[in-house]
Structure formats: C-alpha cells, structure tokens
C-alpha cells in the first residue's frame, strides 16, 4: 500500500488486544511499546507532495483496563 498524500496531522492508534482462540476472547497485550519522538513515512507514491515530511510526537493517550471495562486516566 502506498500513500498518495500525507496528512498534516497523523493520528495512530495502537490496538493492544489479541483474540486468543483457546479461551475465545480478546486478551490485552501487557508488554511495553516503545515508539520514536519523530516519525517519517517512507511508503509514499513517487510523485507525492512533500514525501519526506517528518512528524513529531505531540501527545499520548494511555488506556487502562480490559477489553470490556476500561478508562483513560487524566495525567
């Protein structure tokens, strides 16, 4: 998949749940996720405007809880 035009604001959602066949339900993945403070996307089409755009991390939303009951704490 190639991106034709990069957005001005890029929002990414990391889903940290995995469906586990043996228990027939979603399980939250408990391992820590490391991510960069800057991100450059390289899968743009050849003639995309500003294909070398650098995104900078602005905010993080933390989700606490399980698949069914959860909340987003205030920091």
PDB file of N, CA and C in Angstrom:
ATOM      1  N   UNK A   1       0.839  -1.162   0.000  1.00  0.00           N
ATOM      2  CA  UNK A   1       0.000   0.000   0.000  1.00  0.00           C
ATOM      3  C   UNK A   1       0.898   1.244   0.000  1.00  0.00           C
ATOM      4  N   UNK A   2       0.565   2.196  -0.828  1.00  0.00           N
ATOM      5  CA  UNK A   2       1.319   3.452  -0.921  1.00  0.00           C
ATOM      6  C   UNK A   2       0.395   4.619  -0.568  1.00  0.00           C
ATOM      7  N   UNK A   3       0.954   5.633   0.052  1.00  0.00           N
ATOM      8  CA  UNK A   3       0.195   6.813   0.449  1.00  0.00           C
ATOM      9  C   UNK A   3       0.367   7.881  -0.630  1.00  0.00           C
ATOM     10  N   UNK A   4      -0.757   8.408  -1.148  1.00  0.00           N
ATOM     11  CA  UNK A   4      -0.704   9.419  -2.196  1.00  0.00           C
ATOM     12  C   UNK A   4      -0.428  10.803  -1.633  1.00  0.00           C
ATOM     13  N   UNK A   5      -1.039  11.127  -0.489  1.00  0.00           N
ATOM     14  CA  UNK A   5      -0.869  12.454   0.097  1.00  0.00           C
ATOM     15  C   UNK A   5      -0.798  12.302   1.611  1.00  0.00           C
ATOM     16  N   UNK A   6       0.259  12.824   2.204  1.00  0.00           N
ATOM     17  CA  UNK A   6       0.414  12.733   3.649  1.00  0.00           C
ATOM     18  C   UNK A   6      -0.480  13.753   4.345  1.00  0.00           C
ATOM     19  N   UNK A   7      -1.109  13.364   5.455  1.00  0.00           N
ATOM     20  CA  UNK A   7      -1.955  14.318   6.190  1.00  0.00           C
ATOM     21  C   UNK A   7      -1.106  15.309   6.984  1.00  0.00           C
ATOM     22  N   UNK A   8      -1.682  16.466   7.298  1.00  0.00           N
ATOM     23  CA  UNK A   8      -0.969  17.447   8.121  1.00  0.00           C
ATOM     24  C   UNK A   8      -0.797  16.925   9.547  1.00  0.00           C
ATOM     25  N   UNK A   9      -1.837  16.274  10.055  1.00  0.00           N
ATOM     26  CA  UNK A   9      -1.795  15.680  11.396  1.00  0.00           C
ATOM     27  C   UNK A   9      -2.009  14.182  11.232  1.00  0.00           C
ATOM     28  N   UNK A  10      -1.100  13.406  11.776  1.00  0.00           N
ATOM     29  CA  UNK A  10      -1.176  11.948  11.675  1.00  0.00           C
ATOM     30  C   UNK A  10      -1.521  11.375  13.041  1.00  0.00           C
ATOM     31  N   UNK A  11      -2.660  10.688  13.144  1.00  0.00           N
ATOM     32  CA  UNK A  11      -3.071  10.065  14.403  1.00  0.00           C
ATOM     33  C   UNK A  11      -2.981   8.557  14.241  1.00  0.00           C
ATOM     34  N   UNK A  12      -2.237   7.920  15.114  1.00  0.00           N
ATOM     35  CA  UNK A  12      -2.063   6.470  15.078  1.00  0.00           C
ATOM     36  C   UNK A  12      -2.696   5.861  16.324  1.00  0.00           C
ATOM     37  N   UNK A  13      -3.358   4.730  16.144  1.00  0.00           N
ATOM     38  CA  UNK A  13      -3.980   4.025  17.248  1.00  0.00           C
ATOM     39  C   UNK A  13      -3.383   2.622  17.293  1.00  0.00           C
ATOM     40  N   UNK A  14      -2.650   2.334  18.358  1.00  0.00           N
ATOM     41  CA  UNK A  14      -2.057   1.009  18.520  1.00  0.00           C
ATOM     42  C   UNK A  14      -3.030   0.134  19.298  1.00  0.00           C
ATOM     43  N   UNK A  15      -3.612  -0.822  18.638  1.00  0.00           N
ATOM     44  CA  UNK A  15      -4.539  -1.731  19.318  1.00  0.00           C
ATOM     45  C   UNK A  15      -3.722  -2.824  19.983  1.00  0.00           C
ATOM     46  N   UNK A  16      -3.858  -2.913  21.291  1.00  0.00           N
ATOM     47  CA  UNK A  16      -3.043  -3.849  22.046  1.00  0.00           C
ATOM     48  C   UNK A  16      -3.870  -5.006  22.581  1.00  0.00           C
ATOM     49  N   UNK A  17      -4.827  -5.450  21.785  1.00  0.00           N
ATOM     50  CA  UNK A  17      -5.635  -6.607  22.136  1.00  0.00           C
ATOM     51  C   UNK A  17      -5.458  -7.668  21.059  1.00  0.00           C
ATOM     52  N   UNK A  18      -5.457  -8.904  21.477  1.00  0.00           N
ATOM     53  CA  UNK A  18      -5.291 -10.014  20.544  1.00  0.00           C
ATOM     54  C   UNK A  18      -6.351 -11.064  20.861  1.00  0.00           C
ATOM     55  N   UNK A  19      -7.006 -11.557  19.808  1.00  0.00           N
ATOM     56  CA  UNK A  19      -8.003 -12.597  20.018  1.00  0.00           C
ATOM     57  C   UNK A  19      -7.292 -13.918  20.242  1.00  0.00           C
ATOM     58  N   UNK A  20      -7.614 -14.558  21.362  1.00  0.00           N
ATOM     59  CA  UNK A  20      -6.973 -15.822  21.707  1.00  0.00           C
ATOM     60  C   UNK A  20      -7.980 -16.956  21.525  1.00  0.00           C
ATOM     61  N   UNK A  21      -7.692 -17.809  20.559  1.00  0.00           N
ATOM     62  CA  UNK A  21      -8.606 -18.889  20.186  1.00  0.00           C
ATOM     63  C   UNK A  21      -8.927 -19.834  21.340  1.00  0.00           C
ATOM     64  N   UNK A  22      -7.920 -20.213  22.125  1.00  0.00           N
ATOM     65  CA  UNK A  22      -8.130 -21.229  23.152  1.00  0.00           C
ATOM     66  C   UNK A  22      -9.104 -20.798  24.250  1.00  0.00           C
ATOM     67  N   UNK A  23      -9.203 -19.494  24.516  1.00  0.00           N
ATOM     68  CA  UNK A  23     -10.143 -19.010  25.534  1.00  0.00           C
ATOM     69  C   UNK A  23     -11.321 -18.265  24.918  1.00  0.00           C
ATOM     70  N   UNK A  24     -11.326 -18.117  23.595  1.00  0.00           N
ATOM     71  CA  UNK A  24     -12.417 -17.496  22.852  1.00  0.00           C
ATOM     72  C   UNK A  24     -12.722 -16.068  23.309  1.00  0.00           C
ATOM     73  N   UNK A  25     -11.680 -15.272  23.560  1.00  0.00           N
ATOM     74  CA  UNK A  25     -11.886 -13.876  23.927  1.00  0.00           C
ATOM     75  C   UNK A  25     -10.638 -13.054  23.616  1.00  0.00           C
ATOM     76  N   UNK A  26     -10.800 -11.735  23.710  1.00  0.00           N
ATOM     77  CA  UNK A  26      -9.685 -10.825  23.496  1.00  0.00           C
ATOM     78  C   UNK A  26      -8.881 -10.695  24.774  1.00  0.00           C
ATOM     79  N   UNK A  27      -7.568 -10.700  24.628  1.00  0.00           N
ATOM     80  CA  UNK A  27      -6.647 -10.572  25.744  1.00  0.00           C
ATOM     81  C   UNK A  27      -5.811  -9.303  25.513  1.00  0.00           C
ATOM     82  N   UNK A  28      -5.662  -8.490  26.565  1.00  0.00           N
ATOM     83  CA  UNK A  28      -4.838  -7.295  26.430  1.00  0.00           C
ATOM     84  C   UNK A  28      -3.366  -7.696  26.475  1.00  0.00           C
ATOM     85  N   UNK A  29      -2.597  -7.184  25.530  1.00  0.00           N
ATOM     86  CA  UNK A  29      -1.171  -7.458  25.488  1.00  0.00           C
ATOM     87  C   UNK A  29      -0.479  -6.560  26.520  1.00  0.00           C
ATOM     88  N   UNK A  30       0.296  -7.144  27.408  1.00  0.00           N
ATOM     89  CA  UNK A  30       0.843  -6.411  28.546  1.00  0.00           C
ATOM     90  C   UNK A  30       2.268  -5.899  28.327  1.00  0.00           C
ATOM     91  N   UNK A  31       2.885  -6.202  27.210  1.00  0.00           N
ATOM     92  CA  UNK A  31       4.259  -5.770  27.026  1.00  0.00           C
ATOM     93  C   UNK A  31       4.329  -4.281  26.690  1.00  0.00           C
ATOM     94  N   UNK A  32       5.452  -3.687  27.010  1.00  0.00           N
ATOM     95  CA  UNK A  32       5.668  -2.259  26.789  1.00  0.00           C
ATOM     96  C   UNK A  32       5.929  -1.989  25.306  1.00  0.00           C
ATOM     97  N   UNK A  33       5.402  -0.888  24.816  1.00  0.00           N
ATOM     98  CA  UNK A  33       5.591  -0.498  23.424  1.00  0.00           C
ATOM     99  C   UNK A  33       6.488   0.739  23.380  1.00  0.00           C
ATOM    100  N   UNK A  34       7.601   0.635  22.688  1.00  0.00           N
ATOM    101  CA  UNK A  34       8.500   1.776  22.513  1.00  0.00           C
ATOM    102  C   UNK A  34       8.188   2.423  21.166  1.00  0.00           C
ATOM    103  N   UNK A  35       8.207   3.741  21.126  1.00  0.00           N
ATOM    104  CA  UNK A  35       7.931   4.450  19.883  1.00  0.00           C
ATOM    105  C   UNK A  35       8.818   5.684  19.816  1.00  0.00           C
ATOM    106  N   UNK A  36       9.114   6.152  18.619  1.00  0.00           N
ATOM    107  CA  UNK A  36      10.021   7.290  18.459  1.00  0.00           C
ATOM    108  C   UNK A  36       9.313   8.623  18.701  1.00  0.00           C
ATOM    109  N   UNK A  37      10.087   9.657  18.976  1.00  0.00           N
ATOM    110  CA  UNK A  37       9.534  11.001  19.120  1.00  0.00           C
ATOM    111  C   UNK A  37       9.345  11.661  17.762  1.00  0.00           C
ATOM    112  N   UNK A  38       9.965  11.090  16.739  1.00  0.00           N
ATOM    113  CA  UNK A  38       9.803  11.573  15.375  1.00  0.00           C
ATOM    114  C   UNK A  38       9.535  10.383  14.459  1.00  0.00           C
ATOM    115  N   UNK A  39       8.733  10.619  13.415  1.00  0.00           N
ATOM    116  CA  UNK A  39       8.360   9.540  12.502  1.00  0.00           C
ATOM    117  C   UNK A  39       8.346  10.060  11.072  1.00  0.00           C
ATOM    118  N   UNK A  40       8.978   9.321  10.200  1.00  0.00           N
ATOM    119  CA  UNK A  40       8.972   9.640   8.773  1.00  0.00           C
ATOM    120  C   UNK A  40       8.385   8.430   8.051  1.00  0.00           C
ATOM    121  N   UNK A  41       7.395   8.677   7.194  1.00  0.00           N
ATOM    122  CA  UNK A  41       6.762   7.590   6.445  1.00  0.00           C
ATOM    123  C   UNK A  41       7.446   7.456   5.089  1.00  0.00           C
ATOM    124  N   UNK A  42       7.826   6.247   4.749  1.00  0.00           N
ATOM    125  CA  UNK A  42       8.555   6.019   3.503  1.00  0.00           C
ATOM    126  C   UNK A  42       7.709   5.348   2.415  1.00  0.00           C
ATOM    127  N   UNK A  43       6.476   4.993   2.730  1.00  0.00           N
ATOM    128  CA  UNK A  43       5.669   4.280   1.737  1.00  0.00           C
ATOM    129  C   UNK A  43       4.728   5.229   0.990  1.00  0.00           C
ATOM    130  N   UNK A  44       5.305   6.307   0.431  1.00  0.00           N
ATOM    131  CA  UNK A  44       4.526   7.246  -0.360  1.00  0.00           C
ATOM    132  C   UNK A  44       4.737   6.963  -1.848  1.00  0.00           C
ATOM    133  N   UNK A  45       3.809   7.416  -2.666  1.00  0.00           N
ATOM    134  CA  UNK A  45       3.979   7.270  -4.109  1.00  0.00           C
ATOM    135  C   UNK A  45       5.113   8.183  -4.564  1.00  0.00           C
ATOM    136  N   UNK A  46       5.670   7.905  -5.727  1.00  0.00           N
ATOM    137  CA  UNK A  46       6.844   8.636  -6.205  1.00  0.00           C
ATOM    138  C   UNK A  46       6.595  10.129  -6.397  1.00  0.00           C
ATOM    139  N   UNK A  47       5.377  10.494  -6.829  1.00  0.00           N
ATOM    140  CA  UNK A  47       5.096  11.912  -7.089  1.00  0.00           C
ATOM    141  C   UNK A  47       4.289  12.573  -5.968  1.00  0.00           C
ATOM    142  N   UNK A  48       4.342  12.036  -4.758  1.00  0.00           N
ATOM    143  CA  UNK A  48       3.611  12.612  -3.627  1.00  0.00           C
ATOM    144  C   UNK A  48       4.210  13.959  -3.243  1.00  0.00           C
ATOM    145  N   UNK A  49       3.336  14.949  -2.928  1.00  0.00           N
ATOM    146  CA  UNK A  49       3.871  16.231  -2.460  1.00  0.00           C
ATOM    147  C   UNK A  49       4.471  16.069  -1.057  1.00  0.00           C
ATOM    148  N   UNK A  50       5.622  16.635  -0.833  1.00  0.00           N
ATOM    149  CA  UNK A  50       6.316  16.583   0.464  1.00  0.00           C
ATOM    150  C   UNK A  50       6.484  15.142   0.975  1.00  0.00           C
ATOM    151  N   UNK A  51       7.089  14.256   0.181  1.00  0.00           N
ATOM    152  CA  UNK A  51       7.206  12.848   0.576  1.00  0.00           C
ATOM    153  C   UNK A  51       8.167  12.618   1.745  1.00  0.00           C
ATOM    154  N   UNK A  52       8.949  13.628   2.077  1.00  0.00           N
ATOM    155  CA  UNK A  52       9.957  13.487   3.125  1.00  0.00           C
ATOM    156  C   UNK A  52       9.521  14.149   4.441  1.00  0.00           C
ATOM    157  N   UNK A  53       8.202  14.309   4.620  1.00  0.00           N
ATOM    158  CA  UNK A  53       7.677  15.008   5.800  1.00  0.00           C
ATOM    159  C   UNK A  53       8.042  14.258   7.084  1.00  0.00           C
ATOM    160  N   UNK A  54       8.423  15.022   8.099  1.00  0.00           N
ATOM    161  CA  UNK A  54       8.782  14.464   9.396  1.00  0.00           C
ATOM    162  C   UNK A  54       7.693  14.819  10.399  1.00  0.00           C
ATOM    163  N   UNK A  55       7.092  13.809  11.027  1.00  0.00           N
ATOM    164  CA  UNK A  55       6.075  14.023  12.053  1.00  0.00           C
ATOM    165  C   UNK A  55       6.740  13.997  13.420  1.00  0.00           C
ATOM    166  N   UNK A  56       6.295  14.897  14.315  1.00  0.00           N
ATOM    167  CA  UNK A  56       6.820  14.932  15.672  1.00  0.00           C
ATOM    168  C   UNK A  56       5.715  14.538  16.641  1.00  0.00           C
ATOM    169  N   UNK A  57       6.085  13.742  17.643  1.00  0.00           N
ATOM    170  CA  UNK A  57       5.130  13.287  18.643  1.00  0.00           C
ATOM    171  C   UNK A  57       4.584  14.474  19.414  1.00  0.00           C
ATOM    172  N   UNK A  58       3.256  14.546  19.541  1.00  0.00           N
ATOM    173  CA  UNK A  58       2.612  15.656  20.226  1.00  0.00           C
ATOM    174  C   UNK A  58       1.919  15.203  21.510  1.00  0.00           C
ATOM    175  N   UNK A  59       1.267  14.065  21.476  1.00  0.00           N
ATOM    176  CA  UNK A  59       0.521  13.603  22.648  1.00  0.00           C
ATOM    177  C   UNK A  59       0.420  12.084  22.654  1.00  0.00           C
ATOM    178  N   UNK A  60       0.165  11.561  23.840  1.00  0.00           N
ATOM    179  CA  UNK A  60      -0.040  10.131  24.025  1.00  0.00           C
ATOM    180  C   UNK A  60      -1.295   9.946  24.870  1.00  0.00           C
ATOM    181  N   UNK A  61      -2.137   9.013  24.496  1.00  0.00           N
ATOM    182  CA  UNK A  61      -3.312   8.659  25.290  1.00  0.00           C
ATOM    183  C   UNK A  61      -3.062   7.278  25.860  1.00  0.00           C
ATOM    184  N   UNK A  62      -3.216   7.153  27.174  1.00  0.00           N
ATOM    185  CA  UNK A  62      -2.980   5.880  27.851  1.00  0.00           C
ATOM    186  C   UNK A  62      -4.317   5.239  28.175  1.00  0.00           C
ATOM    187  N   UNK A  63      -4.448   3.991  27.830  1.00  0.00           N
ATOM    188  CA  UNK A  63      -5.665   3.222  28.099  1.00  0.00           C
ATOM    189  C   UNK A  63      -5.381   2.233  29.219  1.00  0.00           C
ATOM    190  N   UNK A  64      -6.216   2.250  30.268  1.00  0.00           N
ATOM    191  CA  UNK A  64      -6.047   1.324  31.383  1.00  0.00           C
ATOM    192  C   UNK A  64      -7.309   0.484  31.508  1.00  0.00           C
ATOM    193  N   UNK A  65      -7.120  -0.810  31.663  1.00  0.00           N
ATOM    194  CA  UNK A  65      -8.266  -1.689  31.849  1.00  0.00           C
ATOM    195  C   UNK A  65      -8.243  -2.866  30.915  1.00  0.00           C
ATOM    196  N   UNK A  66      -9.383  -3.508  30.825  1.00  0.00           N
ATOM    197  CA  UNK A  66      -9.535  -4.679  29.973  1.00  0.00           C
ATOM    198  C   UNK A  66     -10.344  -4.319  28.736  1.00  0.00           C
ATOM    199  N   UNK A  67     -10.606  -5.292  27.911  1.00  0.00           N
ATOM    200  CA  UNK A  67     -11.323  -5.074  26.658  1.00  0.00           C
ATOM    201  C   UNK A  67     -12.742  -4.564  26.911  1.00  0.00           C
ATOM    202  N   UNK A  68     -13.407  -5.059  27.945  1.00  0.00           N
ATOM    203  CA  UNK A  68     -14.807  -4.717  28.206  1.00  0.00           C
ATOM    204  C   UNK A  68     -14.930  -3.469  29.090  1.00  0.00           C
ATOM    205  N   UNK A  69     -14.184  -3.412  30.189  1.00  0.00           N
ATOM    206  CA  UNK A  69     -14.265  -2.301  31.127  1.00  0.00           C
ATOM    207  C   UNK A  69     -12.908  -1.588  31.160  1.00  0.00           C
ATOM    208  N   UNK A  70     -12.908  -0.285  30.886  1.00  0.00           N
ATOM    209  CA  UNK A  70     -11.642   0.426  30.855  1.00  0.00           C
ATOM    210  C   UNK A  70     -11.883   1.917  31.005  1.00  0.00           C
ATOM    211  N   UNK A  71     -10.795   2.671  31.102  1.00  0.00           N
ATOM    212  CA  UNK A  71     -10.880   4.113  31.162  1.00  0.00           C
ATOM    213  C   UNK A  71      -9.571   4.745  30.694  1.00  0.00           C
ATOM    214  N   UNK A  72      -9.617   6.043  30.459  1.00  0.00           N
ATOM    215  CA  UNK A  72      -8.440   6.810  30.070  1.00  0.00           C
ATOM    216  C   UNK A  72      -8.133   7.774  31.217  1.00  0.00           C
ATOM    217  N   UNK A  73      -7.059   7.562  31.971  1.00  0.00           N
ATOM    218  CA  UNK A  73      -6.775   8.406  33.143  1.00  0.00           C
ATOM    219  C   UNK A  73      -6.320   9.808  32.752  1.00  0.00           C
ATOM    220  N   UNK A  74      -6.534  10.752  33.661  1.00  0.00           N
ATOM    221  CA  UNK A  74      -6.032  12.110  33.473  1.00  0.00           C
ATOM    222  C   UNK A  74      -4.599  12.156  33.988  1.00  0.00           C
ATOM    223  N   UNK A  75      -3.752  12.835  33.243  1.00  0.00           N
ATOM    224  CA  UNK A  75      -2.344  12.936  33.639  1.00  0.00           C
ATOM    225  C   UNK A  75      -2.017  14.382  33.927  1.00  0.00           C
TER     226      UNK A  75
END
